[in-house]
Amino acid sequence: MSCPACLAVCREVPKACASTGIVWETNVHAISPLVDFASHDQKNRWLPVIANGGLAALALTEPSAVSDATGMKTTFREDEDEIVVNGSKIFITNGDVADIIVLFGKWAELGDGRDAISVA
């Protein structure tokens, strides 16, 4: 969907139902990092779930940083072939019904700055 079409939907859906508008807009915001930054294999794995009616959640908000991504404390680190996540999130819209959760954190080895921010 083009950006103007997406914005039109974001304006129109809440006119009929504000709750549906929030769920739809959260879904769009959650999959945006996948569309923009995921590898070809990751897109092939996750985007068909959404295209077939699945929902995504955006796990960004933290108790101490609220929605300020630069202030979040959740970290990622590699441990052989796994990613270890350390941190907590709150207020994850769609979280209880999501098929995919896009989790924001910082790569521990990159420090605590903006450049360390990523999704898992």
C-alpha atoms as a PDB file:
ATOM      1  CA  MET A   1       0.000   0.000   0.000  1.00  0.00           C
ATOM      2  CA  SER A   2       1.288   3.436  -0.811  1.00  0.00           C
ATOM      3  CA  CYS A   3       1.944   5.955   1.965  1.00  0.00           C
ATOM      4  CA  PRO A   4      -0.968   8.215   0.893  1.00  0.00           C
ATOM      5  CA  ALA A   5      -3.330   5.221   0.824  1.00  0.00           C
ATOM      6  CA  CYS A   6      -2.140   4.141   4.274  1.00  0.00           C
ATOM      7  CA  LEU A   7      -2.711   7.655   5.633  1.00  0.00           C
ATOM      8  CA  ALA A   8      -6.191   7.717   4.117  1.00  0.00           C
ATOM      9  CA  VAL A   9      -7.042   4.467   5.881  1.00  0.00           C
ATOM     10  CA  CYS A  10      -5.585   5.844   9.139  1.00  0.00           C
ATOM     11  CA  ARG A  11      -7.966   8.808   8.823  1.00  0.00           C
ATOM     12  CA  GLU A  12     -11.078   6.907   7.772  1.00  0.00           C
ATOM     13  CA  VAL A  13     -11.140   3.725   9.872  1.00  0.00           C
ATOM     14  CA  PRO A  14     -11.286   5.532  13.253  1.00  0.00           C
ATOM     15  CA  LYS A  15     -14.308   7.509  12.045  1.00  0.00           C
ATOM     16  CA  ALA A  16     -16.255   4.242  12.106  1.00  0.00           C
ATOM     17  CA  CYS A  17     -14.489   2.605  15.079  1.00  0.00           C
ATOM     18  CA  ALA A  18     -11.661   4.141  17.099  1.00  0.00           C
ATOM     19  CA  SER A  19     -10.621   0.756  18.550  1.00  0.00           C
ATOM     20  CA  THR A  20     -10.271  -0.813  15.119  1.00  0.00           C
ATOM     21  CA  GLY A  21      -8.284   2.225  14.010  1.00  0.00           C
ATOM     22  CA  ILE A  22      -5.779   1.780  16.854  1.00  0.00           C
ATOM     23  CA  VAL A  23      -5.387  -1.947  16.145  1.00  0.00           C
ATOM     24  CA  TRP A  24      -4.894  -1.328  12.405  1.00  0.00           C
ATOM     25  CA  GLU A  25      -2.466   1.569  12.886  1.00  0.00           C
ATOM     26  CA  THR A  26      -0.430  -0.394  15.441  1.00  0.00           C
ATOM     27  CA  ASN A  27      -0.229  -3.256  12.963  1.00  0.00           C
ATOM     28  CA  VAL A  28       1.096  -0.866  10.289  1.00  0.00           C
ATOM     29  CA  HIS A  29       3.674   0.658  12.654  1.00  0.00           C
ATOM     30  CA  ALA A  30       4.805  -2.766  13.863  1.00  0.00           C
ATOM     31  CA  ILE A  31       5.434  -4.217  10.406  1.00  0.00           C
ATOM     32  CA  SER A  32       7.154  -1.093   9.065  1.00  0.00           C
ATOM     33  CA  PRO A  33      10.597  -2.139  10.413  1.00  0.00           C
ATOM     34  CA  LEU A  34      10.103  -5.557   8.798  1.00  0.00           C
ATOM     35  CA  VAL A  35       9.230  -4.010   5.447  1.00  0.00           C
ATOM     36  CA  ASP A  36      12.094  -1.511   5.625  1.00  0.00           C
ATOM     37  CA  PHE A  37      14.920  -3.504   7.243  1.00  0.00           C
ATOM     38  CA  ALA A  38      14.256  -7.255   7.298  1.00  0.00           C
ATOM     39  CA  SER A  39      16.234  -9.640   5.129  1.00  0.00           C
ATOM     40  CA  HIS A  40      14.560 -11.359   2.190  1.00  0.00           C
ATOM     41  CA  ASP A  41      14.247 -14.577   4.231  1.00  0.00           C
ATOM     42  CA  GLN A  42      12.735 -12.730   7.207  1.00  0.00           C
ATOM     43  CA  LYS A  43      10.196 -11.003   4.969  1.00  0.00           C
ATOM     44  CA  ASN A  44       9.257 -14.338   3.406  1.00  0.00           C
ATOM     45  CA  ARG A  45       8.741 -15.789   6.889  1.00  0.00           C
ATOM     46  CA  TRP A  46       6.796 -13.001   8.610  1.00  0.00           C
ATOM     47  CA  LEU A  47       5.014 -10.796   6.069  1.00  0.00           C
ATOM     48  CA  PRO A  48       2.754 -13.580   4.698  1.00  0.00           C
ATOM     49  CA  VAL A  49       1.395 -13.977   8.245  1.00  0.00           C
ATOM     50  CA  ILE A  50       0.239 -10.346   8.141  1.00  0.00           C
ATOM     51  CA  ALA A  51      -0.956 -10.574   4.521  1.00  0.00           C
ATOM     52  CA  ASN A  52      -3.155 -13.526   5.560  1.00  0.00           C
ATOM     53  CA  GLY A  53      -4.892 -11.515   8.285  1.00  0.00           C
ATOM     54  CA  GLY A  54      -2.430 -11.819  11.175  1.00  0.00           C
ATOM     55  CA  LEU A  55      -1.731  -8.996  13.593  1.00  0.00           C
ATOM     56  CA  ALA A  56       1.567  -7.515  14.700  1.00  0.00           C
ATOM     57  CA  ALA A  57       2.436  -5.770  17.953  1.00  0.00           C
ATOM     58  CA  LEU A  58       5.111  -3.164  18.559  1.00  0.00           C
ATOM     59  CA  ALA A  59       6.974  -3.779  21.829  1.00  0.00           C
ATOM     60  CA  LEU A  60       8.727  -0.458  22.461  1.00  0.00           C
ATOM     61  CA  THR A  61       7.352   1.123  25.660  1.00  0.00           C
ATOM     62  CA  GLU A  62       9.305   0.540  28.884  1.00  0.00           C
ATOM     63  CA  PRO A  63       8.513   1.485  32.488  1.00  0.00           C
ATOM     64  CA  SER A  64      11.389   3.969  32.798  1.00  0.00           C
ATOM     65  CA  ALA A  65      11.724   5.265  29.231  1.00  0.00           C
ATOM     66  CA  VAL A  66       8.050   5.228  28.217  1.00  0.00           C
ATOM     67  CA  SER A  67       8.115   5.482  24.381  1.00  0.00           C
ATOM     68  CA  ASP A  68      11.538   7.141  24.117  1.00  0.00           C
ATOM     69  CA  ALA A  69      13.502   4.546  22.184  1.00  0.00           C
ATOM     70  CA  THR A  70      16.819   6.206  23.014  1.00  0.00           C
ATOM     71  CA  GLY A  71      16.128   5.778  26.735  1.00  0.00           C
ATOM     72  CA  MET A  72      15.098   2.125  26.658  1.00  0.00           C
ATOM     73  CA  LYS A  73      17.071  -0.395  28.714  1.00  0.00           C
ATOM     74  CA  THR A  74      16.127  -3.671  26.973  1.00  0.00           C
ATOM     75  CA  THR A  75      19.245  -5.247  25.481  1.00  0.00           C
ATOM     76  CA  PHE A  76      20.032  -7.968  22.956  1.00  0.00           C
ATOM     77  CA  ARG A  77      23.193 -10.032  22.910  1.00  0.00           C
ATOM     78  CA  GLU A  78      24.280 -12.998  20.875  1.00  0.00           C
ATOM     79  CA  ASP A  79      24.940 -16.325  22.571  1.00  0.00           C
ATOM     80  CA  GLU A  80      26.123 -18.777  19.908  1.00  0.00           C
ATOM     81  CA  ASP A  81      23.109 -19.194  17.582  1.00  0.00           C
ATOM     82  CA  GLU A  82      20.575 -17.486  19.875  1.00  0.00           C
ATOM     83  CA  ILE A  83      19.687 -13.923  20.807  1.00  0.00           C
ATOM     84  CA  VAL A  84      19.357 -13.300  24.544  1.00  0.00           C
ATOM     85  CA  VAL A  85      16.902 -10.556  25.491  1.00  0.00           C
ATOM     86  CA  ASN A  86      17.191  -8.757  28.829  1.00  0.00           C
ATOM     87  CA  GLY A  87      14.548  -6.165  29.744  1.00  0.00           C
ATOM     88  CA  SER A  88      10.839  -5.516  30.084  1.00  0.00           C
ATOM     89  CA  LYS A  89       8.077  -3.807  28.139  1.00  0.00           C
ATOM     90  CA  ILE A  90       4.666  -2.373  29.053  1.00  0.00           C
ATOM     91  CA  PHE A  91       1.585  -1.223  27.125  1.00  0.00           C
ATOM     92  CA  ILE A  92       2.074  -3.461  24.084  1.00  0.00           C
ATOM     93  CA  THR A  93      -0.920  -2.659  21.879  1.00  0.00           C
ATOM     94  CA  ASN A  94      -2.133  -5.856  20.140  1.00  0.00           C
ATOM     95  CA  GLY A  95       0.306  -7.809  22.355  1.00  0.00           C
ATOM     96  CA  ASP A  96      -2.293 -10.200  23.727  1.00  0.00           C
ATOM     97  CA  VAL A  97      -3.583 -11.149  20.269  1.00  0.00           C
ATOM     98  CA  ALA A  98      -0.536 -10.629  18.042  1.00  0.00           C
ATOM     99  CA  ASP A  99       0.805 -13.270  15.706  1.00  0.00           C
ATOM    100  CA  ILE A 100       4.110 -11.372  15.472  1.00  0.00           C
ATOM    101  CA  ILE A 101       5.705  -9.152  18.121  1.00  0.00           C
ATOM    102  CA  VAL A 102       8.337  -6.697  16.910  1.00  0.00           C
ATOM    103  CA  LEU A 103      10.574  -6.164  19.944  1.00  0.00           C
ATOM    104  CA  PHE A 104      12.768  -3.072  20.236  1.00  0.00           C
ATOM    105  CA  GLY A 105      16.014  -3.126  22.178  1.00  0.00           C
ATOM    106  CA  LYS A 106      19.673  -2.209  21.966  1.00  0.00           C
ATOM    107  CA  TRP A 107      22.553  -4.462  21.000  1.00  0.00           C
ATOM    108  CA  ALA A 108      24.625  -4.654  24.195  1.00  0.00           C
ATOM    109  CA  GLU A 109      27.983  -4.654  22.399  1.00  0.00           C
ATOM    110  CA  LEU A 110      27.064  -1.393  20.607  1.00  0.00           C
ATOM    111  CA  GLY A 111      26.508   0.542  23.836  1.00  0.00           C
ATOM    112  CA  ASP A 112      23.552   2.629  24.918  1.00  0.00           C
ATOM    113  CA  GLY A 113      23.253   5.147  22.073  1.00  0.00           C
ATOM    114  CA  ARG A 114      20.910   5.515  19.116  1.00  0.00           C
ATOM    115  CA  ASP A 115      23.134   3.364  16.904  1.00  0.00           C
ATOM    116  CA  ALA A 116      22.508   0.358  19.156  1.00  0.00           C
ATOM    117  CA  ILE A 117      18.700   0.410  18.632  1.00  0.00           C
ATOM    118  CA  SER A 118      17.345  -2.581  16.735  1.00  0.00           C
ATOM    119  CA  VAL A 119      14.401  -4.962  16.555  1.00  0.00           C
ATOM    120  CA  ALA A 120      14.192  -8.681  17.175  1.00  0.00           C
END
